[in-house]
């Protein structure tokens, strides 16, 4: 049994379901700031650690990995996505990278549908209208929105979350079409050969792609110009999927009806950003997985991944499993 407690760095205070496990087994440095650590902060804080438990907002590149030194064995990402980590550099150094897939699927799908409904029925405009004291009487022309039931939903990225959104859409009697970069068959949904085919046909477009250089600005001016004038764009995946300047232009000019965003580029948005000035854009602060149960589950999975590697066991969710059976450089 190991007598010396491993040194780890936790880049934010996380739910106790995970943090208590880490604190019970490790000597942990925890970043207590309300704002995430800067890149320079990370370089300073990870020195001499055996494990890093980080969030998607933390850029763990080769410089950070080098700063940690040869003791570093694992980078545990408390998220499904791991595009914030230079996995290739970690693999070269014999460092395991892990993530937390599956834990937030249903909760994020719930929010995607909630945002779709909010944008379609102009809920944020209605709340602002009432709070501003403008509600004088029932008006047959007040805040007319779009129906969701019976409409066509276009899903971009038919992975776990995309499929969960499709299941919910069937409850609204929606017709579901989808575009996926690799061929998949999904019961009750119709594939489209191109993104633009989907854009022309969908009343609602919901994004569920992983972040990568290939998916950056996959929603661009051309895509937005192909969408229907009464269509709604929903993004609960990555802010970088959408060309923000093109979206602002499309919303201002009425080329699409509305957008509803849980993620943005940049993130967070500054208060003066033009997206926040548009009444037909709903923006929430990256809360796709923000239920108590789900965030606790994600934290626990991240902690279990971390401790498994530190204990010399295979982690539940390795991103680069080839490292597990390889000799570490210099060993």
C-alpha atoms as a PDB file:
ATOM      1  CA  UNK A   1       0.000   0.000   0.000  1.00  0.00           C
ATOM      2  CA  UNK A   2       1.294   3.438  -0.919  1.00  0.00           C
ATOM      3  CA  UNK A   3       2.303   5.432   2.178  1.00  0.00           C
ATOM      4  CA  UNK A   4       3.087   8.826   0.590  1.00  0.00           C
ATOM      5  CA  UNK A   5       0.017  10.680  -0.554  1.00  0.00           C
ATOM      6  CA  UNK A   6       0.263  11.741  -4.218  1.00  0.00           C
ATOM      7  CA  UNK A   7       0.516  15.437  -5.045  1.00  0.00           C
ATOM      8  CA  UNK A   8      -2.285  16.661  -7.328  1.00  0.00           C
ATOM      9  CA  UNK A   9      -3.619  19.967  -8.589  1.00  0.00           C
ATOM     10  CA  UNK A  10      -7.373  20.593  -8.924  1.00  0.00           C
ATOM     11  CA  UNK A  11      -8.004  23.609 -11.134  1.00  0.00           C
ATOM     12  CA  UNK A  12     -11.301  24.687  -9.523  1.00  0.00           C
ATOM     13  CA  UNK A  13     -13.375  23.750  -6.488  1.00  0.00           C
ATOM     14  CA  UNK A  14     -15.607  20.946  -7.777  1.00  0.00           C
ATOM     15  CA  UNK A  15     -18.676  19.247  -6.248  1.00  0.00           C
ATOM     16  CA  UNK A  16     -17.963  17.279  -3.060  1.00  0.00           C
ATOM     17  CA  UNK A  17     -18.873  13.961  -4.700  1.00  0.00           C
ATOM     18  CA  UNK A  18     -15.497  14.197  -6.432  1.00  0.00           C
ATOM     19  CA  UNK A  19     -13.479  16.573  -4.294  1.00  0.00           C
ATOM     20  CA  UNK A  20     -13.964  14.598  -1.084  1.00  0.00           C
ATOM     21  CA  UNK A  21     -12.582  11.491  -2.801  1.00  0.00           C
ATOM     22  CA  UNK A  22      -9.507  13.395  -3.967  1.00  0.00           C
ATOM     23  CA  UNK A  23      -8.902  15.043  -0.588  1.00  0.00           C
ATOM     24  CA  UNK A  24      -9.263  11.699   1.176  1.00  0.00           C
ATOM     25  CA  UNK A  25      -6.454  10.140  -0.845  1.00  0.00           C
ATOM     26  CA  UNK A  26      -4.193  12.935  -2.057  1.00  0.00           C
ATOM     27  CA  UNK A  27      -2.376  16.075  -1.034  1.00  0.00           C
ATOM     28  CA  UNK A  28      -4.290  18.437  -3.276  1.00  0.00           C
ATOM     29  CA  UNK A  29      -3.701  22.041  -4.222  1.00  0.00           C
ATOM     30  CA  UNK A  30      -7.051  23.545  -5.184  1.00  0.00           C
ATOM     31  CA  UNK A  31      -7.496  26.728  -7.191  1.00  0.00           C
ATOM     32  CA  UNK A  32      -9.939  28.734  -5.084  1.00  0.00           C
ATOM     33  CA  UNK A  33     -10.430  31.693  -7.417  1.00  0.00           C
ATOM     34  CA  UNK A  34     -13.790  32.530  -8.959  1.00  0.00           C
ATOM     35  CA  UNK A  35     -12.011  33.036 -12.282  1.00  0.00           C
ATOM     36  CA  UNK A  36     -10.193  30.027 -13.808  1.00  0.00           C
ATOM     37  CA  UNK A  37      -6.404  29.956 -13.509  1.00  0.00           C
ATOM     38  CA  UNK A  38      -4.522  31.627 -16.318  1.00  0.00           C
ATOM     39  CA  UNK A  39      -2.045  29.688 -18.398  1.00  0.00           C
ATOM     40  CA  UNK A  40       0.776  31.130 -16.294  1.00  0.00           C
ATOM     41  CA  UNK A  41      -1.090  30.109 -13.138  1.00  0.00           C
ATOM     42  CA  UNK A  42      -1.350  26.545 -14.420  1.00  0.00           C
ATOM     43  CA  UNK A  43       2.359  26.404 -15.208  1.00  0.00           C
ATOM     44  CA  UNK A  44       3.162  27.523 -11.676  1.00  0.00           C
ATOM     45  CA  UNK A  45       0.627  25.347  -9.853  1.00  0.00           C
ATOM     46  CA  UNK A  46       1.285  22.007 -11.569  1.00  0.00           C
ATOM     47  CA  UNK A  47       5.016  21.812 -10.802  1.00  0.00           C
ATOM     48  CA  UNK A  48       5.907  18.488  -9.207  1.00  0.00           C
ATOM     49  CA  UNK A  49       2.397  17.066  -9.348  1.00  0.00           C
ATOM     50  CA  UNK A  50       1.494  13.472 -10.205  1.00  0.00           C
ATOM     51  CA  UNK A  51      -2.033  14.323 -11.303  1.00  0.00           C
ATOM     52  CA  UNK A  52      -4.048  17.235 -12.669  1.00  0.00           C
ATOM     53  CA  UNK A  53      -7.828  17.386 -12.409  1.00  0.00           C
ATOM     54  CA  UNK A  54      -8.930  20.187 -14.716  1.00  0.00           C
ATOM     55  CA  UNK A  55     -11.919  21.711 -16.445  1.00  0.00           C
ATOM     56  CA  UNK A  56     -12.589  22.365 -20.105  1.00  0.00           C
ATOM     57  CA  UNK A  57     -11.600  26.006 -19.626  1.00  0.00           C
ATOM     58  CA  UNK A  58      -8.009  25.069 -18.678  1.00  0.00           C
ATOM     59  CA  UNK A  59      -5.543  24.912 -21.590  1.00  0.00           C
ATOM     60  CA  UNK A  60      -3.232  22.044 -20.754  1.00  0.00           C
ATOM     61  CA  UNK A  61      -0.671  22.211 -23.542  1.00  0.00           C
ATOM     62  CA  UNK A  62       2.849  20.850 -23.827  1.00  0.00           C
ATOM     63  CA  UNK A  63       4.219  23.805 -21.864  1.00  0.00           C
ATOM     64  CA  UNK A  64       1.996  22.952 -18.898  1.00  0.00           C
ATOM     65  CA  UNK A  65       2.874  19.261 -19.152  1.00  0.00           C
ATOM     66  CA  UNK A  66       6.574  20.111 -19.228  1.00  0.00           C
ATOM     67  CA  UNK A  67       6.184  22.378 -16.201  1.00  0.00           C
ATOM     68  CA  UNK A  68       4.668  19.533 -14.203  1.00  0.00           C
ATOM     69  CA  UNK A  69       7.761  17.485 -14.870  1.00  0.00           C
ATOM     70  CA  UNK A  70       8.362  13.726 -15.085  1.00  0.00           C
ATOM     71  CA  UNK A  71       6.201  13.003 -12.051  1.00  0.00           C
ATOM     72  CA  UNK A  72       2.977  13.799 -13.915  1.00  0.00           C
ATOM     73  CA  UNK A  73       1.014  10.642 -14.721  1.00  0.00           C
ATOM     74  CA  UNK A  74      -2.532  11.759 -15.472  1.00  0.00           C
ATOM     75  CA  UNK A  75      -4.616  14.692 -16.668  1.00  0.00           C
ATOM     76  CA  UNK A  76      -8.225  14.040 -15.676  1.00  0.00           C
ATOM     77  CA  UNK A  77     -10.672  16.307 -17.507  1.00  0.00           C
ATOM     78  CA  UNK A  78     -13.988  16.890 -15.760  1.00  0.00           C
ATOM     79  CA  UNK A  79     -15.902  17.015 -19.049  1.00  0.00           C
ATOM     80  CA  UNK A  80     -16.843  14.907 -22.035  1.00  0.00           C
ATOM     81  CA  UNK A  81     -14.763  17.056 -24.376  1.00  0.00           C
ATOM     82  CA  UNK A  82     -10.993  17.170 -23.995  1.00  0.00           C
ATOM     83  CA  UNK A  83      -9.938  19.540 -26.766  1.00  0.00           C
ATOM     84  CA  UNK A  84      -8.373  21.747 -24.073  1.00  0.00           C
ATOM     85  CA  UNK A  85      -5.627  19.136 -23.613  1.00  0.00           C
ATOM     86  CA  UNK A  86      -2.812  18.463 -26.058  1.00  0.00           C
ATOM     87  CA  UNK A  87      -3.424  14.716 -26.104  1.00  0.00           C
ATOM     88  CA  UNK A  88      -0.622  14.044 -28.571  1.00  0.00           C
ATOM     89  CA  UNK A  89       1.895  15.780 -26.314  1.00  0.00           C
ATOM     90  CA  UNK A  90       0.580  13.902 -23.276  1.00  0.00           C
ATOM     91  CA  UNK A  91       0.862  10.603 -25.130  1.00  0.00           C
ATOM     92  CA  UNK A  92       4.464  11.331 -26.119  1.00  0.00           C
ATOM     93  CA  UNK A  93       5.238  11.964 -22.459  1.00  0.00           C
ATOM     94  CA  UNK A  94       3.463   8.805 -21.290  1.00  0.00           C
ATOM     95  CA  UNK A  95       0.733  10.773 -19.513  1.00  0.00           C
ATOM     96  CA  UNK A  96      -2.778   9.349 -19.414  1.00  0.00           C
ATOM     97  CA  UNK A  97      -5.634  11.694 -20.356  1.00  0.00           C
ATOM     98  CA  UNK A  98      -9.161  10.842 -19.209  1.00  0.00           C
ATOM     99  CA  UNK A  99     -12.644  12.320 -19.594  1.00  0.00           C
ATOM    100  CA  UNK A 100     -16.160  11.742 -18.273  1.00  0.00           C
ATOM    101  CA  UNK A 101     -18.367  10.525 -21.145  1.00  0.00           C
ATOM    102  CA  UNK A 102     -22.007   9.625 -20.728  1.00  0.00           C
ATOM    103  CA  UNK A 103     -22.533  11.335 -17.390  1.00  0.00           C
ATOM    104  CA  UNK A 104     -24.070  14.522 -18.776  1.00  0.00           C
ATOM    105  CA  UNK A 105     -25.919  13.231 -21.858  1.00  0.00           C
ATOM    106  CA  UNK A 106     -29.494  13.451 -20.624  1.00  0.00           C
ATOM    107  CA  UNK A 107     -29.039  16.700 -18.696  1.00  0.00           C
ATOM    108  CA  UNK A 108     -27.470  18.482 -21.661  1.00  0.00           C
ATOM    109  CA  UNK A 109     -30.200  17.178 -23.958  1.00  0.00           C
ATOM    110  CA  UNK A 110     -32.784  18.619 -21.554  1.00  0.00           C
ATOM    111  CA  UNK A 111     -31.165  22.041 -21.835  1.00  0.00           C
ATOM    112  CA  UNK A 112     -30.963  21.870 -25.631  1.00  0.00           C
ATOM    113  CA  UNK A 113     -34.724  21.348 -25.787  1.00  0.00           C
ATOM    114  CA  UNK A 114     -35.306  24.043 -23.148  1.00  0.00           C
ATOM    115  CA  UNK A 115     -33.310  26.540 -25.222  1.00  0.00           C
ATOM    116  CA  UNK A 116     -35.168  25.560 -28.362  1.00  0.00           C
ATOM    117  CA  UNK A 117     -38.497  26.205 -26.634  1.00  0.00           C
ATOM    118  CA  UNK A 118     -37.262  29.445 -25.064  1.00  0.00           C
ATOM    119  CA  UNK A 119     -36.160  30.868 -28.412  1.00  0.00           C
ATOM    120  CA  UNK A 120     -39.211  29.611 -30.302  1.00  0.00           C
ATOM    121  CA  UNK A 121     -41.704  31.080 -27.828  1.00  0.00           C
ATOM    122  CA  UNK A 122     -39.642  34.204 -27.025  1.00  0.00           C
ATOM    123  CA  UNK A 123     -39.531  33.485 -23.301  1.00  0.00           C
ATOM    124  CA  UNK A 124     -36.678  35.824 -22.400  1.00  0.00           C
ATOM    125  CA  UNK A 125     -38.392  38.657 -24.266  1.00  0.00           C
ATOM    126  CA  UNK A 126     -41.571  37.898 -22.346  1.00  0.00           C
ATOM    127  CA  UNK A 127     -39.798  37.957 -18.984  1.00  0.00           C
ATOM    128  CA  UNK A 128     -38.155  41.294 -19.850  1.00  0.00           C
ATOM    129  CA  UNK A 129     -41.513  42.676 -21.044  1.00  0.00           C
ATOM    130  CA  UNK A 130     -43.205  41.871 -17.725  1.00  0.00           C
ATOM    131  CA  UNK A 131     -40.335  43.114 -15.573  1.00  0.00           C
ATOM    132  CA  UNK A 132     -40.246  46.390 -17.497  1.00  0.00           C
ATOM    133  CA  UNK A 133     -43.892  47.013 -16.575  1.00  0.00           C
ATOM    134  CA  UNK A 134     -45.074  46.846 -20.194  1.00  0.00           C
ATOM    135  CA  UNK A 135     -47.723  44.151 -19.682  1.00  0.00           C
ATOM    136  CA  UNK A 136     -50.981  46.109 -19.773  1.00  0.00           C
ATOM    137  CA  UNK A 137     -53.488  43.559 -21.128  1.00  0.00           C
ATOM    138  CA  UNK A 138     -53.814  40.354 -23.110  1.00  0.00           C
ATOM    139  CA  UNK A 139     -52.926  41.152 -26.706  1.00  0.00           C
ATOM    140  CA  UNK A 140     -53.643  38.768 -29.605  1.00  0.00           C
ATOM    141  CA  UNK A 141     -50.517  40.004 -31.420  1.00  0.00           C
ATOM    142  CA  UNK A 142     -48.128  40.097 -28.455  1.00  0.00           C
ATOM    143  CA  UNK A 143     -44.801  38.206 -28.741  1.00  0.00           C
ATOM    144  CA  UNK A 144     -45.895  35.774 -31.424  1.00  0.00           C
ATOM    145  CA  UNK A 145     -43.378  32.957 -31.730  1.00  0.00           C
ATOM    146  CA  UNK A 146     -42.984  29.702 -33.636  1.00  0.00           C
ATOM    147  CA  UNK A 147     -44.459  26.262 -32.949  1.00  0.00           C
ATOM    148  CA  UNK A 148     -42.148  23.445 -31.951  1.00  0.00           C
ATOM    149  CA  UNK A 149     -44.626  20.579 -32.213  1.00  0.00           C
ATOM    150  CA  UNK A 150     -44.749  19.144 -35.726  1.00  0.00           C
ATOM    151  CA  UNK A 151     -41.682  21.116 -36.866  1.00  0.00           C
ATOM    152  CA  UNK A 152     -38.493  19.705 -38.411  1.00  0.00           C
ATOM    153  CA  UNK A 153     -35.443  19.442 -36.164  1.00  0.00           C
ATOM    154  CA  UNK A 154     -32.021  19.213 -37.780  1.00  0.00           C
ATOM    155  CA  UNK A 155     -29.367  17.683 -35.520  1.00  0.00           C
ATOM    156  CA  UNK A 156     -25.723  18.272 -36.401  1.00  0.00           C
ATOM    157  CA  UNK A 157     -23.685  15.518 -34.752  1.00  0.00           C
ATOM    158  CA  UNK A 158     -25.618  12.352 -33.912  1.00  0.00           C
ATOM    159  CA  UNK A 159     -23.633  11.101 -30.930  1.00  0.00           C
ATOM    160  CA  UNK A 160     -24.949  10.394 -27.440  1.00  0.00           C
ATOM    161  CA  UNK A 161     -26.383  13.863 -26.847  1.00  0.00           C
ATOM    162  CA  UNK A 162     -27.713  14.254 -30.389  1.00  0.00           C
ATOM    163  CA  UNK A 163     -29.600  10.977 -30.041  1.00  0.00           C
ATOM    164  CA  UNK A 164     -30.972  12.014 -26.648  1.00  0.00           C
ATOM    165  CA  UNK A 165     -32.273  15.254 -28.181  1.00  0.00           C
ATOM    166  CA  UNK A 166     -33.857  13.249 -31.015  1.00  0.00           C
ATOM    167  CA  UNK A 167     -35.726  11.087 -28.493  1.00  0.00           C
ATOM    168  CA  UNK A 168     -37.115  14.187 -26.823  1.00  0.00           C
ATOM    169  CA  UNK A 169     -38.075  15.716 -30.171  1.00  0.00           C
ATOM    170  CA  UNK A 170     -40.244  12.705 -30.962  1.00  0.00           C
ATOM    171  CA  UNK A 171     -42.278  13.577 -27.876  1.00  0.00           C
ATOM    172  CA  UNK A 172     -43.110  16.881 -29.579  1.00  0.00           C
ATOM    173  CA  UNK A 173     -44.079  15.014 -32.756  1.00  0.00           C
ATOM    174  CA  UNK A 174     -41.125  16.595 -34.524  1.00  0.00           C
ATOM    175  CA  UNK A 175     -39.613  15.237 -37.711  1.00  0.00           C
ATOM    176  CA  UNK A 176     -35.899  14.655 -37.126  1.00  0.00           C
ATOM    177  CA  UNK A 177     -33.206  14.956 -39.763  1.00  0.00           C
ATOM    178  CA  UNK A 178     -29.477  14.856 -39.096  1.00  0.00           C
ATOM    179  CA  UNK A 179     -25.987  15.302 -40.462  1.00  0.00           C
ATOM    180  CA  UNK A 180     -23.112  13.267 -39.064  1.00  0.00           C
ATOM    181  CA  UNK A 181     -19.531  13.386 -40.314  1.00  0.00           C
ATOM    182  CA  UNK A 182     -19.348   9.573 -40.352  1.00  0.00           C
ATOM    183  CA  UNK A 183     -22.280   7.418 -41.506  1.00  0.00           C
ATOM    184  CA  UNK A 184     -24.627   6.304 -38.726  1.00  0.00           C
ATOM    185  CA  UNK A 185     -28.121   4.851 -38.747  1.00  0.00           C
ATOM    186  CA  UNK A 186     -30.564   6.295 -36.218  1.00  0.00           C
ATOM    187  CA  UNK A 187     -34.057   4.884 -35.932  1.00  0.00           C
ATOM    188  CA  UNK A 188     -36.737   7.516 -36.383  1.00  0.00           C
ATOM    189  CA  UNK A 189     -34.400  10.056 -37.980  1.00  0.00           C
ATOM    190  CA  UNK A 190     -33.431  10.786 -41.578  1.00  0.00           C
ATOM    191  CA  UNK A 191     -29.794  11.426 -42.588  1.00  0.00           C
ATOM    192  CA  UNK A 192     -28.804  14.281 -44.880  1.00  0.00           C
ATOM    193  CA  UNK A 193     -25.740  14.123 -47.111  1.00  0.00           C
ATOM    194  CA  UNK A 194     -24.592  17.675 -46.456  1.00  0.00           C
ATOM    195  CA  UNK A 195     -24.849  20.379 -43.841  1.00  0.00           C
ATOM    196  CA  UNK A 196     -26.427  22.751 -46.347  1.00  0.00           C
ATOM    197  CA  UNK A 197     -29.151  20.233 -47.200  1.00  0.00           C
ATOM    198  CA  UNK A 198     -29.984  20.118 -43.496  1.00  0.00           C
ATOM    199  CA  UNK A 199     -29.880  23.926 -43.215  1.00  0.00           C
ATOM    200  CA  UNK A 200     -32.404  24.387 -46.029  1.00  0.00           C
ATOM    201  CA  UNK A 201     -34.895  21.937 -44.543  1.00  0.00           C
ATOM    202  CA  UNK A 202     -34.780  22.370 -40.762  1.00  0.00           C
ATOM    203  CA  UNK A 203     -36.971  24.669 -38.689  1.00  0.00           C
ATOM    204  CA  UNK A 204     -34.606  24.162 -35.748  1.00  0.00           C
ATOM    205  CA  UNK A 205     -30.898  23.296 -35.894  1.00  0.00           C
ATOM    206  CA  UNK A 206     -29.237  21.851 -32.783  1.00  0.00           C
ATOM    207  CA  UNK A 207     -25.452  21.391 -32.600  1.00  0.00           C
ATOM    208  CA  UNK A 208     -23.892  18.370 -30.874  1.00  0.00           C
ATOM    209  CA  UNK A 209     -20.394  18.026 -32.322  1.00  0.00           C
ATOM    210  CA  UNK A 210     -17.116  17.643 -30.423  1.00  0.00           C
ATOM    211  CA  UNK A 211     -14.671  20.513 -30.574  1.00  0.00           C
ATOM    212  CA  UNK A 212     -11.841  20.203 -33.092  1.00  0.00           C
ATOM    213  CA  UNK A 213     -10.093  22.285 -35.768  1.00  0.00           C
ATOM    214  CA  UNK A 214     -12.345  20.592 -38.350  1.00  0.00           C
ATOM    215  CA  UNK A 215     -15.539  21.746 -36.629  1.00  0.00           C
ATOM    216  CA  UNK A 216     -14.445  25.346 -36.039  1.00  0.00           C
ATOM    217  CA  UNK A 217     -16.962  27.709 -37.729  1.00  0.00           C
ATOM    218  CA  UNK A 218     -18.833  24.789 -39.229  1.00  0.00           C
ATOM    219  CA  UNK A 219     -21.810  27.126 -38.868  1.00  0.00           C
ATOM    220  CA  UNK A 220     -20.699  29.990 -41.079  1.00  0.00           C
ATOM    221  CA  UNK A 221     -22.266  32.696 -43.217  1.00  0.00           C
ATOM    222  CA  UNK A 222     -23.093  30.242 -46.021  1.00  0.00           C
ATOM    223  CA  UNK A 223     -24.887  27.870 -43.628  1.00  0.00           C
ATOM    224  CA  UNK A 224     -26.830  30.688 -41.971  1.00  0.00           C
ATOM    225  CA  UNK A 225     -27.893  32.104 -45.339  1.00  0.00           C
ATOM    226  CA  UNK A 226     -29.245  28.665 -46.303  1.00  0.00           C
ATOM    227  CA  UNK A 227     -31.425  28.407 -43.192  1.00  0.00           C
ATOM    228  CA  UNK A 228     -35.100  29.303 -43.280  1.00  0.00           C
ATOM    229  CA  UNK A 229     -36.032  32.832 -42.267  1.00  0.00           C
ATOM    230  CA  UNK A 230     -38.105  31.510 -39.342  1.00  0.00           C
ATOM    231  CA  UNK A 231     -35.464  28.963 -38.256  1.00  0.00           C
ATOM    232  CA  UNK A 232     -33.763  28.799 -34.842  1.00  0.00           C
ATOM    233  CA  UNK A 233     -30.147  27.823 -34.142  1.00  0.00           C
ATOM    234  CA  UNK A 234     -29.369  26.083 -30.823  1.00  0.00           C
ATOM    235  CA  UNK A 235     -25.809  25.446 -29.609  1.00  0.00           C
ATOM    236  CA  UNK A 236     -25.016  23.436 -26.475  1.00  0.00           C
ATOM    237  CA  UNK A 237     -21.773  21.958 -27.833  1.00  0.00           C
ATOM    238  CA  UNK A 238     -18.828  24.323 -28.455  1.00  0.00           C
ATOM    239  CA  UNK A 239     -18.851  28.059 -29.055  1.00  0.00           C
ATOM    240  CA  UNK A 240     -16.183  27.665 -31.739  1.00  0.00           C
ATOM    241  CA  UNK A 241     -18.641  25.767 -33.951  1.00  0.00           C
ATOM    242  CA  UNK A 242     -20.315  29.077 -34.844  1.00  0.00           C
ATOM    243  CA  UNK A 243     -18.831  32.072 -36.646  1.00  0.00           C
ATOM    244  CA  UNK A 244     -20.037  34.637 -34.118  1.00  0.00           C
ATOM    245  CA  UNK A 245     -19.768  37.638 -36.444  1.00  0.00           C
ATOM    246  CA  UNK A 246     -21.811  35.826 -39.086  1.00  0.00           C
ATOM    247  CA  UNK A 247     -24.442  34.894 -36.491  1.00  0.00           C
ATOM    248  CA  UNK A 248     -24.755  38.488 -35.274  1.00  0.00           C
ATOM    249  CA  UNK A 249     -25.248  39.600 -38.880  1.00  0.00           C
ATOM    250  CA  UNK A 250     -27.873  36.906 -39.569  1.00  0.00           C
ATOM    251  CA  UNK A 251     -29.858  37.773 -36.432  1.00  0.00           C
ATOM    252  CA  UNK A 252     -29.721  41.524 -37.047  1.00  0.00           C
ATOM    253  CA  UNK A 253     -30.814  41.192 -40.640  1.00  0.00           C
ATOM    254  CA  UNK A 254     -33.583  38.694 -39.871  1.00  0.00           C
ATOM    255  CA  UNK A 255     -32.001  35.968 -41.988  1.00  0.00           C
ATOM    256  CA  UNK A 256     -32.914  33.544 -39.193  1.00  0.00           C
ATOM    257  CA  UNK A 257     -35.583  33.901 -36.541  1.00  0.00           C
ATOM    258  CA  UNK A 258     -33.475  33.393 -33.417  1.00  0.00           C
ATOM    259  CA  UNK A 259     -30.549  31.686 -31.716  1.00  0.00           C
ATOM    260  CA  UNK A 260     -30.214  30.071 -28.305  1.00  0.00           C
ATOM    261  CA  UNK A 261     -26.691  29.541 -26.991  1.00  0.00           C
ATOM    262  CA  UNK A 262     -25.253  27.760 -23.975  1.00  0.00           C
ATOM    263  CA  UNK A 263     -21.725  28.158 -25.363  1.00  0.00           C
ATOM    264  CA  UNK A 264     -20.186  31.124 -27.147  1.00  0.00           C
ATOM    265  CA  UNK A 265     -17.033  32.351 -28.841  1.00  0.00           C
ATOM    266  CA  UNK A 266     -15.566  34.146 -26.981  1.00  0.00           C
ATOM    267  CA  UNK A 267     -16.590  32.596 -23.684  1.00  0.00           C
ATOM    268  CA  UNK A 268     -17.663  34.211 -21.509  1.00  0.00           C
ATOM    269  CA  UNK A 269     -19.168  37.019 -23.564  1.00  0.00           C
ATOM    270  CA  UNK A 270     -18.289  40.532 -22.403  1.00  0.00           C
ATOM    271  CA  UNK A 271     -21.380  42.503 -21.291  1.00  0.00           C
ATOM    272  CA  UNK A 272     -21.031  44.828 -24.293  1.00  0.00           C
ATOM    273  CA  UNK A 273     -21.023  42.019 -26.860  1.00  0.00           C
ATOM    274  CA  UNK A 274     -23.524  42.570 -29.716  1.00  0.00           C
ATOM    275  CA  UNK A 275     -25.131  39.150 -29.194  1.00  0.00           C
ATOM    276  CA  UNK A 276     -26.363  40.330 -25.800  1.00  0.00           C
ATOM    277  CA  UNK A 277     -28.028  43.354 -27.379  1.00  0.00           C
ATOM    278  CA  UNK A 278     -30.208  41.258 -29.692  1.00  0.00           C
ATOM    279  CA  UNK A 279     -33.713  40.399 -28.435  1.00  0.00           C
ATOM    280  CA  UNK A 280     -33.801  37.303 -30.660  1.00  0.00           C
ATOM    281  CA  UNK A 281     -30.747  35.710 -29.035  1.00  0.00           C
ATOM    282  CA  UNK A 282     -30.987  33.739 -25.788  1.00  0.00           C
ATOM    283  CA  UNK A 283     -27.629  33.262 -24.044  1.00  0.00           C
ATOM    284  CA  UNK A 284     -27.033  31.249 -20.866  1.00  0.00           C
ATOM    285  CA  UNK A 285     -23.644  30.724 -19.117  1.00  0.00           C
ATOM    286  CA  UNK A 286     -22.558  27.214 -20.202  1.00  0.00           C
ATOM    287  CA  UNK A 287     -24.965  25.343 -17.921  1.00  0.00           C
ATOM    288  CA  UNK A 288     -25.646  22.299 -20.116  1.00  0.00           C
ATOM    289  CA  UNK A 289     -24.669  19.840 -17.378  1.00  0.00           C
ATOM    290  CA  UNK A 290     -25.676  22.056 -14.470  1.00  0.00           C
ATOM    291  CA  UNK A 291     -27.966  19.867 -12.442  1.00  0.00           C
ATOM    292  CA  UNK A 292     -26.864  18.906  -8.947  1.00  0.00           C
ATOM    293  CA  UNK A 293     -26.987  15.197  -9.696  1.00  0.00           C
ATOM    294  CA  UNK A 294     -25.128  15.423 -12.989  1.00  0.00           C
ATOM    295  CA  UNK A 295     -22.350  17.742 -11.833  1.00  0.00           C
ATOM    296  CA  UNK A 296     -21.821  15.475  -8.824  1.00  0.00           C
ATOM    297  CA  UNK A 297     -21.640  12.450 -11.107  1.00  0.00           C
ATOM    298  CA  UNK A 298     -19.102  14.139 -13.418  1.00  0.00           C
ATOM    299  CA  UNK A 299     -16.928  15.174 -10.470  1.00  0.00           C
ATOM    300  CA  UNK A 300     -16.957  11.640  -9.090  1.00  0.00           C
ATOM    301  CA  UNK A 301     -15.979  10.153 -12.476  1.00  0.00           C
ATOM    302  CA  UNK A 302     -13.111  12.641 -12.822  1.00  0.00           C
ATOM    303  CA  UNK A 303     -11.877  11.735  -9.344  1.00  0.00           C
ATOM    304  CA  UNK A 304     -12.161   8.005 -10.039  1.00  0.00           C
ATOM    305  CA  UNK A 305     -10.147   8.387 -13.238  1.00  0.00           C
ATOM    306  CA  UNK A 306      -7.474  10.336 -11.361  1.00  0.00           C
ATOM    307  CA  UNK A 307      -7.126   7.883  -8.491  1.00  0.00           C
ATOM    308  CA  UNK A 308      -7.169   4.807 -10.712  1.00  0.00           C
ATOM    309  CA  UNK A 309      -4.037   5.936 -12.547  1.00  0.00           C
ATOM    310  CA  UNK A 310      -2.320   7.074  -9.354  1.00  0.00           C
ATOM    311  CA  UNK A 311      -3.048   3.630  -7.886  1.00  0.00           C
ATOM    312  CA  UNK A 312      -1.602   1.909 -10.946  1.00  0.00           C
ATOM    313  CA  UNK A 313      -4.991   0.741 -12.245  1.00  0.00           C
ATOM    314  CA  UNK A 314      -6.585   1.333 -15.679  1.00  0.00           C
ATOM    315  CA  UNK A 315      -8.917   4.337 -15.434  1.00  0.00           C
ATOM    316  CA  UNK A 316     -12.585   3.932 -16.361  1.00  0.00           C
ATOM    317  CA  UNK A 317     -12.422   6.423 -19.242  1.00  0.00           C
ATOM    318  CA  UNK A 318      -9.006   6.819 -20.905  1.00  0.00           C
ATOM    319  CA  UNK A 319      -8.741   9.068 -23.950  1.00  0.00           C
ATOM    320  CA  UNK A 320      -5.333   7.669 -24.967  1.00  0.00           C
ATOM    321  CA  UNK A 321      -5.438   4.042 -23.761  1.00  0.00           C
ATOM    322  CA  UNK A 322      -2.269   3.201 -25.688  1.00  0.00           C
ATOM    323  CA  UNK A 323      -0.316   4.909 -22.905  1.00  0.00           C
ATOM    324  CA  UNK A 324      -1.476   2.388 -20.317  1.00  0.00           C
ATOM    325  CA  UNK A 325       0.615  -0.475 -21.695  1.00  0.00           C
ATOM    326  CA  UNK A 326       3.561   1.595 -22.860  1.00  0.00           C
ATOM    327  CA  UNK A 327       6.782   2.327 -21.021  1.00  0.00           C
ATOM    328  CA  UNK A 328       6.992   5.917 -19.832  1.00  0.00           C
ATOM    329  CA  UNK A 329       9.751   7.957 -21.485  1.00  0.00           C
ATOM    330  CA  UNK A 330      12.915   7.702 -19.410  1.00  0.00           C
ATOM    331  CA  UNK A 331      11.703   4.651 -17.483  1.00  0.00           C
END
